Amino acid sequence: MAHADKVYHTIAYFTLGLIWLISFPKSLKEKRLKYAIVSFCIIYGIVLEVLQGVLTAHRTASLLDVIANTVGVIVAMLLYKQVFKKIAAI
């Protein structure tokens, strides 16, 4: 599969985003913190891609990697919101 690494990127950033969201359960009632975590994870992915392209000779930056990273973080947030709603309803 030509773009199998994109699946790995999505899984990695899904995991990163979900772990950060789970780390602050009571604080996440504030939407600002939740969106700050998501924004940080996305910016982190962008910065790593840029540094990869600038600082290494054997690797390149990829817009598709940034998109895969972003998708992973957004899916983590959506899943967390659904689970958090159900837990709060209990």
PDB file of N, CA and C in Angstrom:
ATOM      1  N   MET A   1       0.852  -1.176   0.000  1.00  0.00           N
ATOM      2  CA  MET A   1       0.000   0.000   0.000  1.00  0.00           C
ATOM      3  C   MET A   1       0.901   1.243   0.000  1.00  0.00           C
ATOM      4  N   ALA A   2       0.650   2.144  -0.928  1.00  0.00           N
ATOM      5  CA  ALA A   2       1.525   3.291  -1.154  1.00  0.00           C
ATOM      6  C   ALA A   2       1.535   4.276   0.011  1.00  0.00           C
ATOM      7  N   HIS A   3       0.404   4.477   0.652  1.00  0.00           N
ATOM      8  CA  HIS A   3       0.312   5.475   1.724  1.00  0.00           C
ATOM      9  C   HIS A   3       0.020   4.837   3.083  1.00  0.00           C
ATOM     10  N   ALA A   4       0.586   3.693   3.341  1.00  0.00           N
ATOM     11  CA  ALA A   4       0.349   3.000   4.612  1.00  0.00           C
ATOM     12  C   ALA A   4       0.863   3.809   5.792  1.00  0.00           C
ATOM     13  N   ASP A   5       1.909   4.595   5.589  1.00  0.00           N
ATOM     14  CA  ASP A   5       2.433   5.407   6.688  1.00  0.00           C
ATOM     15  C   ASP A   5       1.431   6.458   7.157  1.00  0.00           C
ATOM     16  N   LYS A   6       0.511   6.834   6.291  1.00  0.00           N
ATOM     17  CA  LYS A   6      -0.521   7.818   6.692  1.00  0.00           C
ATOM     18  C   LYS A   6      -1.450   7.209   7.741  1.00  0.00           C
ATOM     19  N   VAL A   7      -1.701   5.919   7.623  1.00  0.00           N
ATOM     20  CA  VAL A   7      -2.513   5.234   8.639  1.00  0.00           C
ATOM     21  C   VAL A   7      -1.771   5.251   9.968  1.00  0.00           C
ATOM     22  N   TYR A   8      -0.472   5.039   9.927  1.00  0.00           N
ATOM     23  CA  TYR A   8       0.337   5.070  11.150  1.00  0.00           C
ATOM     24  C   TYR A   8       0.348   6.467  11.774  1.00  0.00           C
ATOM     25  N   HIS A   9       0.446   7.474  10.926  1.00  0.00           N
ATOM     26  CA  HIS A   9       0.384   8.856  11.421  1.00  0.00           C
ATOM     27  C   HIS A   9      -0.962   9.117  12.108  1.00  0.00           C
ATOM     28  N   THR A  10      -2.037   8.702  11.468  1.00  0.00           N
ATOM     29  CA  THR A  10      -3.369   8.915  12.032  1.00  0.00           C
ATOM     30  C   THR A  10      -3.508   8.210  13.375  1.00  0.00           C
ATOM     31  N   ILE A  11      -3.051   6.985  13.455  1.00  0.00           N
ATOM     32  CA  ILE A  11      -3.136   6.226  14.717  1.00  0.00           C
ATOM     33  C   ILE A  11      -2.274   6.875  15.794  1.00  0.00           C
ATOM     34  N   ALA A  12      -1.086   7.300  15.435  1.00  0.00           N
ATOM     35  CA  ALA A  12      -0.180   7.912  16.415  1.00  0.00           C
ATOM     36  C   ALA A  12      -0.769   9.204  16.973  1.00  0.00           C
ATOM     37  N   TYR A  13      -1.301  10.048  16.122  1.00  0.00           N
ATOM     38  CA  TYR A  13      -1.841  11.329  16.599  1.00  0.00           C
ATOM     39  C   TYR A  13      -3.209  11.153  17.246  1.00  0.00           C
ATOM     40  N   PHE A  14      -3.949  10.135  16.863  1.00  0.00           N
ATOM     41  CA  PHE A  14      -5.175   9.785  17.581  1.00  0.00           C
ATOM     42  C   PHE A  14      -4.818   9.434  19.027  1.00  0.00           C
ATOM     43  N   THR A  15      -3.791   8.619  19.179  1.00  0.00           N
ATOM     44  CA  THR A  15      -3.345   8.199  20.507  1.00  0.00           C
ATOM     45  C   THR A  15      -2.828   9.396  21.306  1.00  0.00           C
ATOM     46  N   LEU A  16      -2.019  10.225  20.685  1.00  0.00           N
ATOM     47  CA  LEU A  16      -1.493  11.416  21.348  1.00  0.00           C
ATOM     48  C   LEU A  16      -2.637  12.315  21.827  1.00  0.00           C
ATOM     49  N   GLY A  17      -3.573  12.609  20.949  1.00  0.00           N
ATOM     50  CA  GLY A  17      -4.685  13.472  21.303  1.00  0.00           C
ATOM     51  C   GLY A  17      -5.557  12.881  22.394  1.00  0.00           C
ATOM     52  N   LEU A  18      -5.862  11.606  22.289  1.00  0.00           N
ATOM     53  CA  LEU A  18      -6.731  10.958  23.271  1.00  0.00           C
ATOM     54  C   LEU A  18      -6.062  10.908  24.647  1.00  0.00           C
ATOM     55  N   ILE A  19      -4.782  10.604  24.691  1.00  0.00           N
ATOM     56  CA  ILE A  19      -4.080  10.564  25.980  1.00  0.00           C
ATOM     57  C   ILE A  19      -4.080  11.944  26.635  1.00  0.00           C
ATOM     58  N   TRP A  20      -3.831  12.987  25.862  1.00  0.00           N
ATOM     59  CA  TRP A  20      -3.855  14.338  26.429  1.00  0.00           C
ATOM     60  C   TRP A  20      -5.260  14.706  26.897  1.00  0.00           C
ATOM     61  N   LEU A  21      -6.269  14.358  26.142  1.00  0.00           N
ATOM     62  CA  LEU A  21      -7.644  14.679  26.544  1.00  0.00           C
ATOM     63  C   LEU A  21      -8.040  13.928  27.813  1.00  0.00           C
ATOM     64  N   ILE A  22      -7.635  12.683  27.924  1.00  0.00           N
ATOM     65  CA  ILE A  22      -7.960  11.884  29.109  1.00  0.00           C
ATOM     66  C   ILE A  22      -7.187  12.398  30.329  1.00  0.00           C
ATOM     67  N   SER A  23      -6.044  13.011  30.112  1.00  0.00           N
ATOM     68  CA  SER A  23      -5.203  13.471  31.211  1.00  0.00           C
ATOM     69  C   SER A  23      -5.820  14.609  32.022  1.00  0.00           C
ATOM     70  N   PHE A  24      -6.787  15.307  31.466  1.00  0.00           N
ATOM     71  CA  PHE A  24      -7.386  16.451  32.136  1.00  0.00           C
ATOM     72  C   PHE A  24      -8.901  16.310  32.215  1.00  0.00           C
ATOM     73  N   PRO A  25      -9.434  15.242  32.815  1.00  0.00           N
ATOM     74  CA  PRO A  25     -10.878  14.997  32.736  1.00  0.00           C
ATOM     75  C   PRO A  25     -11.753  16.073  33.376  1.00  0.00           C
ATOM     76  N   LYS A  26     -11.445  16.516  34.576  1.00  0.00           N
ATOM     77  CA  LYS A  26     -12.309  17.493  35.227  1.00  0.00           C
ATOM     78  C   LYS A  26     -12.141  18.865  34.604  1.00  0.00           C
ATOM     79  N   SER A  27     -10.948  19.172  34.171  1.00  0.00           N
ATOM     80  CA  SER A  27     -10.682  20.472  33.574  1.00  0.00           C
ATOM     81  C   SER A  27     -11.326  20.615  32.200  1.00  0.00           C
ATOM     82  N   LEU A  28     -11.651  19.497  31.562  1.00  0.00           N
ATOM     83  CA  LEU A  28     -12.162  19.565  30.200  1.00  0.00           C
ATOM     84  C   LEU A  28     -13.603  20.039  30.127  1.00  0.00           C
ATOM     85  N   LYS A  29     -14.201  20.306  31.256  1.00  0.00           N
ATOM     86  CA  LYS A  29     -15.522  20.907  31.202  1.00  0.00           C
ATOM     87  C   LYS A  29     -15.406  22.299  30.587  1.00  0.00           C
ATOM     88  N   GLU A  30     -14.210  22.867  30.661  1.00  0.00           N
ATOM     89  CA  GLU A  30     -13.943  24.118  29.973  1.00  0.00           C
ATOM     90  C   GLU A  30     -13.559  23.794  28.537  1.00  0.00           C
ATOM     91  N   LYS A  31     -14.330  24.306  27.601  1.00  0.00           N
ATOM     92  CA  LYS A  31     -14.075  24.009  26.191  1.00  0.00           C
ATOM     93  C   LYS A  31     -12.728  24.555  25.737  1.00  0.00           C
ATOM     94  N   ARG A  32     -12.299  25.656  26.352  1.00  0.00           N
ATOM     95  CA  ARG A  32     -11.038  26.259  25.916  1.00  0.00           C
ATOM     96  C   ARG A  32      -9.864  25.303  26.084  1.00  0.00           C
ATOM     97  N   LEU A  33      -9.826  24.591  27.186  1.00  0.00           N
ATOM     98  CA  LEU A  33      -8.711  23.662  27.412  1.00  0.00           C
ATOM     99  C   LEU A  33      -8.738  22.523  26.402  1.00  0.00           C
ATOM    100  N   LYS A  34      -9.935  22.005  26.138  1.00  0.00           N
ATOM    101  CA  LYS A  34     -10.053  20.904  25.174  1.00  0.00           C
ATOM    102  C   LYS A  34      -9.551  21.352  23.794  1.00  0.00           C
ATOM    103  N   TYR A  35      -9.964  22.535  23.372  1.00  0.00           N
ATOM    104  CA  TYR A  35      -9.542  23.013  22.063  1.00  0.00           C
ATOM    105  C   TYR A  35      -8.069  23.420  22.058  1.00  0.00           C
ATOM    106  N   ALA A  36      -7.552  23.838  23.208  1.00  0.00           N
ATOM    107  CA  ALA A  36      -6.120  24.145  23.300  1.00  0.00           C
ATOM    108  C   ALA A  36      -5.298  22.870  23.130  1.00  0.00           C
ATOM    109  N   ILE A  37      -5.754  21.781  23.746  1.00  0.00           N
ATOM    110  CA  ILE A  37      -5.052  20.499  23.606  1.00  0.00           C
ATOM    111  C   ILE A  37      -5.059  20.044  22.158  1.00  0.00           C
ATOM    112  N   VAL A  38      -6.210  20.115  21.520  1.00  0.00           N
ATOM    113  CA  VAL A  38      -6.321  19.707  20.114  1.00  0.00           C
ATOM    114  C   VAL A  38      -5.439  20.595  19.237  1.00  0.00           C
ATOM    115  N   SER A  39      -5.482  21.901  19.480  1.00  0.00           N
ATOM    116  CA  SER A  39      -4.658  22.831  18.698  1.00  0.00           C
ATOM    117  C   SER A  39      -3.174  22.552  18.894  1.00  0.00           C
ATOM    118  N   PHE A  40      -2.778  22.310  20.149  1.00  0.00           N
ATOM    119  CA  PHE A  40      -1.372  22.010  20.426  1.00  0.00           C
ATOM    120  C   PHE A  40      -0.923  20.759  19.673  1.00  0.00           C
ATOM    121  N   CYS A  41      -1.737  19.721  19.687  1.00  0.00           N
ATOM    122  CA  CYS A  41      -1.366  18.472  18.998  1.00  0.00           C
ATOM    123  C   CYS A  41      -1.224  18.695  17.503  1.00  0.00           C
ATOM    124  N   ILE A  42      -2.117  19.488  16.928  1.00  0.00           N
ATOM    125  CA  ILE A  42      -2.041  19.770  15.486  1.00  0.00           C
ATOM    126  C   ILE A  42      -0.803  20.600  15.170  1.00  0.00           C
ATOM    127  N   ILE A  43      -0.560  21.641  15.964  1.00  0.00           N
ATOM    128  CA  ILE A  43       0.620  22.483  15.756  1.00  0.00           C
ATOM    129  C   ILE A  43       1.898  21.674  15.947  1.00  0.00           C
ATOM    130  N   TYR A  44       1.916  20.800  16.935  1.00  0.00           N
ATOM    131  CA  TYR A  44       3.057  19.921  17.179  1.00  0.00           C
ATOM    132  C   TYR A  44       3.355  19.087  15.924  1.00  0.00           C
ATOM    133  N   GLY A  45       2.317  18.526  15.310  1.00  0.00           N
ATOM    134  CA  GLY A  45       2.498  17.734  14.099  1.00  0.00           C
ATOM    135  C   GLY A  45       3.044  18.553  12.948  1.00  0.00           C
ATOM    136  N   ILE A  46       2.564  19.783  12.824  1.00  0.00           N
ATOM    137  CA  ILE A  46       3.042  20.668  11.751  1.00  0.00           C
ATOM    138  C   ILE A  46       4.505  21.018  11.984  1.00  0.00           C
ATOM    139  N   VAL A  47       4.843  21.391  13.211  1.00  0.00           N
ATOM    140  CA  VAL A  47       6.227  21.762  13.532  1.00  0.00           C
ATOM    141  C   VAL A  47       7.171  20.592  13.276  1.00  0.00           C
ATOM    142  N   LEU A  48       6.776  19.389  13.681  1.00  0.00           N
ATOM    143  CA  LEU A  48       7.638  18.231  13.437  1.00  0.00           C
ATOM    144  C   LEU A  48       7.847  17.987  11.945  1.00  0.00           C
ATOM    145  N   GLU A  49       6.809  18.158  11.156  1.00  0.00           N
ATOM    146  CA  GLU A  49       6.962  17.968   9.708  1.00  0.00           C
ATOM    147  C   GLU A  49       7.893  19.012   9.115  1.00  0.00           C
ATOM    148  N   VAL A  50       7.749  20.259   9.537  1.00  0.00           N
ATOM    149  CA  VAL A  50       8.622  21.322   9.020  1.00  0.00           C
ATOM    150  C   VAL A  50      10.069  21.050   9.427  1.00  0.00           C
ATOM    151  N   LEU A  51      10.285  20.713  10.705  1.00  0.00           N
ATOM    152  CA  LEU A  51      11.647  20.425  11.166  1.00  0.00           C
ATOM    153  C   LEU A  51      12.232  19.218  10.449  1.00  0.00           C
ATOM    154  N   GLN A  52      11.414  18.253  10.168  1.00  0.00           N
ATOM    155  CA  GLN A  52      11.861  17.060   9.443  1.00  0.00           C
ATOM    156  C   GLN A  52      12.370  17.446   8.064  1.00  0.00           C
ATOM    157  N   GLY A  53      11.672  18.371   7.416  1.00  0.00           N
ATOM    158  CA  GLY A  53      12.085  18.804   6.087  1.00  0.00           C
ATOM    159  C   GLY A  53      13.290  19.717   6.092  1.00  0.00           C
ATOM    160  N   VAL A  54      13.448  20.506   7.175  1.00  0.00           N
ATOM    161  CA  VAL A  54      14.519  21.496   7.236  1.00  0.00           C
ATOM    162  C   VAL A  54      15.806  20.928   7.826  1.00  0.00           C
ATOM    163  N   LEU A  55      15.686  20.115   8.869  1.00  0.00           N
ATOM    164  CA  LEU A  55      16.867  19.692   9.617  1.00  0.00           C
ATOM    165  C   LEU A  55      17.474  18.361   9.183  1.00  0.00           C
ATOM    166  N   THR A  56      16.764  17.596   8.385  1.00  0.00           N
ATOM    167  CA  THR A  56      17.308  16.303   7.975  1.00  0.00           C
ATOM    168  C   THR A  56      17.538  16.275   6.468  1.00  0.00           C
ATOM    169  N   ALA A  57      18.518  15.511   6.069  1.00  0.00           N
ATOM    170  CA  ALA A  57      18.826  15.399   4.641  1.00  0.00           C
ATOM    171  C   ALA A  57      18.082  14.235   3.997  1.00  0.00           C
ATOM    172  N   HIS A  58      17.715  13.242   4.809  1.00  0.00           N
ATOM    173  CA  HIS A  58      17.133  12.031   4.244  1.00  0.00           C
ATOM    174  C   HIS A  58      15.615  11.921   4.432  1.00  0.00           C
ATOM    175  N   ARG A  59      15.003  12.956   4.994  1.00  0.00           N
ATOM    176  CA  ARG A  59      13.546  12.938   5.184  1.00  0.00           C
ATOM    177  C   ARG A  59      12.965  14.210   4.599  1.00  0.00           C
ATOM    178  N   THR A  60      11.689  14.153   4.241  1.00  0.00           N
ATOM    179  CA  THR A  60      11.037  15.327   3.676  1.00  0.00           C
ATOM    180  C   THR A  60       9.753  15.632   4.448  1.00  0.00           C
ATOM    181  N   ALA A  61       9.353  16.871   4.405  1.00  0.00           N
ATOM    182  CA  ALA A  61       8.087  17.276   5.005  1.00  0.00           C
ATOM    183  C   ALA A  61       6.975  16.874   4.036  1.00  0.00           C
ATOM    184  N   SER A  62       5.810  16.525   4.591  1.00  0.00           N
ATOM    185  CA  SER A  62       4.718  16.069   3.746  1.00  0.00           C
ATOM    186  C   SER A  62       3.398  16.667   4.223  1.00  0.00           C
ATOM    187  N   LEU A  63       2.701  17.311   3.312  1.00  0.00           N
ATOM    188  CA  LEU A  63       1.382  17.857   3.624  1.00  0.00           C
ATOM    189  C   LEU A  63       0.403  16.728   3.952  1.00  0.00           C
ATOM    190  N   LEU A  64       0.552  15.592   3.289  1.00  0.00           N
ATOM    191  CA  LEU A  64      -0.324  14.456   3.581  1.00  0.00           C
ATOM    192  C   LEU A  64      -0.114  13.928   4.999  1.00  0.00           C
ATOM    193  N   ASP A  65       1.117  13.998   5.491  1.00  0.00           N
ATOM    194  CA  ASP A  65       1.371  13.606   6.880  1.00  0.00           C
ATOM    195  C   ASP A  65       0.676  14.562   7.841  1.00  0.00           C
ATOM    196  N   VAL A  66       0.740  15.848   7.548  1.00  0.00           N
ATOM    197  CA  VAL A  66       0.059  16.851   8.388  1.00  0.00           C
ATOM    198  C   VAL A  66      -1.440  16.596   8.397  1.00  0.00           C
ATOM    199  N   ILE A  67      -1.994  16.278   7.251  1.00  0.00           N
ATOM    200  CA  ILE A  67      -3.436  15.995   7.164  1.00  0.00           C
ATOM    201  C   ILE A  67      -3.778  14.740   7.953  1.00  0.00           C
ATOM    202  N   ALA A  68      -2.969  13.699   7.827  1.00  0.00           N
ATOM    203  CA  ALA A  68      -3.209  12.462   8.574  1.00  0.00           C
ATOM    204  C   ALA A  68      -3.106  12.709  10.074  1.00  0.00           C
ATOM    205  N   ASN A  69      -2.118  13.499  10.496  1.00  0.00           N
ATOM    206  CA  ASN A  69      -1.977  13.839  11.911  1.00  0.00           C
ATOM    207  C   ASN A  69      -3.215  14.578  12.412  1.00  0.00           C
ATOM    208  N   THR A  70      -3.665  15.545  11.651  1.00  0.00           N
ATOM    209  CA  THR A  70      -4.822  16.352  12.029  1.00  0.00           C
ATOM    210  C   THR A  70      -6.076  15.497  12.112  1.00  0.00           C
ATOM    211  N   VAL A  71      -6.260  14.609  11.166  1.00  0.00           N
ATOM    212  CA  VAL A  71      -7.420  13.713  11.194  1.00  0.00           C
ATOM    213  C   VAL A  71      -7.398  12.857  12.455  1.00  0.00           C
ATOM    214  N   GLY A  72      -6.245  12.339  12.815  1.00  0.00           N
ATOM    215  CA  GLY A  72      -6.137  11.523  14.020  1.00  0.00           C
ATOM    216  C   GLY A  72      -6.534  12.282  15.270  1.00  0.00           C
ATOM    217  N   VAL A  73      -6.068  13.521  15.396  1.00  0.00           N
ATOM    218  CA  VAL A  73      -6.386  14.342  16.572  1.00  0.00           C
ATOM    219  C   VAL A  73      -7.874  14.681  16.599  1.00  0.00           C
ATOM    220  N   ILE A  74      -8.444  15.029  15.467  1.00  0.00           N
ATOM    221  CA  ILE A  74      -9.863  15.395  15.419  1.00  0.00           C
ATOM    222  C   ILE A  74     -10.737  14.186  15.733  1.00  0.00           C
ATOM    223  N   VAL A  75     -10.398  13.032  15.221  1.00  0.00           N
ATOM    224  CA  VAL A  75     -11.162  11.814  15.538  1.00  0.00           C
ATOM    225  C   VAL A  75     -11.070  11.513  17.034  1.00  0.00           C
ATOM    226  N   ALA A  76      -9.900  11.719  17.630  1.00  0.00           N
ATOM    227  CA  ALA A  76      -9.745  11.512  19.073  1.00  0.00           C
ATOM    228  C   ALA A  76     -10.657  12.450  19.849  1.00  0.00           C
ATOM    229  N   MET A  77     -10.723  13.712  19.435  1.00  0.00           N
ATOM    230  CA  MET A  77     -11.584  14.676  20.107  1.00  0.00           C
ATOM    231  C   MET A  77     -13.054  14.292  19.972  1.00  0.00           C
ATOM    232  N   LEU A  78     -13.455  13.896  18.784  1.00  0.00           N
ATOM    233  CA  LEU A  78     -14.856  13.510  18.572  1.00  0.00           C
ATOM    234  C   LEU A  78     -15.224  12.284  19.396  1.00  0.00           C
ATOM    235  N   LEU A  79     -14.344  11.300  19.435  1.00  0.00           N
ATOM    236  CA  LEU A  79     -14.597  10.113  20.242  1.00  0.00           C
ATOM    237  C   LEU A  79     -14.651  10.476  21.724  1.00  0.00           C
ATOM    238  N   TYR A  80     -13.719  11.297  22.166  1.00  0.00           N
ATOM    239  CA  TYR A  80     -13.692  11.706  23.565  1.00  0.00           C
ATOM    240  C   TYR A  80     -14.977  12.453  23.932  1.00  0.00           C
ATOM    241  N   LYS A  81     -15.422  13.347  23.059  1.00  0.00           N
ATOM    242  CA  LYS A  81     -16.648  14.096  23.347  1.00  0.00           C
ATOM    243  C   LYS A  81     -17.838  13.155  23.503  1.00  0.00           C
ATOM    244  N   GLN A  82     -17.927  12.142  22.669  1.00  0.00           N
ATOM    245  CA  GLN A  82     -19.042  11.199  22.760  1.00  0.00           C
ATOM    246  C   GLN A  82     -18.973  10.387  24.040  1.00  0.00           C
ATOM    247  N   VAL A  83     -17.801   9.914  24.390  1.00  0.00           N
ATOM    248  CA  VAL A  83     -17.635   9.119  25.616  1.00  0.00           C
ATOM    249  C   VAL A  83     -17.853  10.001  26.833  1.00  0.00           C
ATOM    250  N   PHE A  84     -17.323  11.234  26.819  1.00  0.00           N
ATOM    251  CA  PHE A  84     -17.448  12.152  27.939  1.00  0.00           C
ATOM    252  C   PHE A  84     -18.916  12.498  28.197  1.00  0.00           C
ATOM    253  N   LYS A  85     -19.694  12.674  27.136  1.00  0.00           N
ATOM    254  CA  LYS A  85     -21.132  12.948  27.278  1.00  0.00           C
ATOM    255  C   LYS A  85     -21.832  11.791  27.985  1.00  0.00           C
ATOM    256  N   LYS A  86     -21.486  10.565  27.603  1.00  0.00           N
ATOM    257  CA  LYS A  86     -22.125   9.399  28.208  1.00  0.00           C
ATOM    258  C   LYS A  86     -21.709   9.233  29.658  1.00  0.00           C
ATOM    259  N   ILE A  87     -20.449   9.499  29.961  1.00  0.00           N
ATOM    260  CA  ILE A  87     -19.981   9.392  31.344  1.00  0.00           C
ATOM    261  C   ILE A  87     -20.631  10.478  32.201  1.00  0.00           C
ATOM    262  N   ALA A  88     -20.744  11.687  31.671  1.00  0.00           N
ATOM    263  CA  ALA A  88     -21.357  12.781  32.423  1.00  0.00           C
ATOM    264  C   ALA A  88     -22.842  12.532  32.677  1.00  0.00           C
ATOM    265  N   ALA A  89     -23.483  11.767  31.788  1.00  0.00           N
ATOM    266  CA  ALA A  89     -24.914  11.486  31.944  1.00  0.00           C
ATOM    267  C   ALA A  89     -25.173  10.431  33.016  1.00  0.00           C
ATOM    268  N   ILE A  90     -24.150   9.686  33.381  1.00  0.00           N
ATOM    269  CA  ILE A  90     -24.337   8.608  34.381  1.00  0.00           C
ATOM    270  C   ILE A  90     -24.442   9.170  35.758  1.00  0.00           C
TER     271      ILE A  90
END
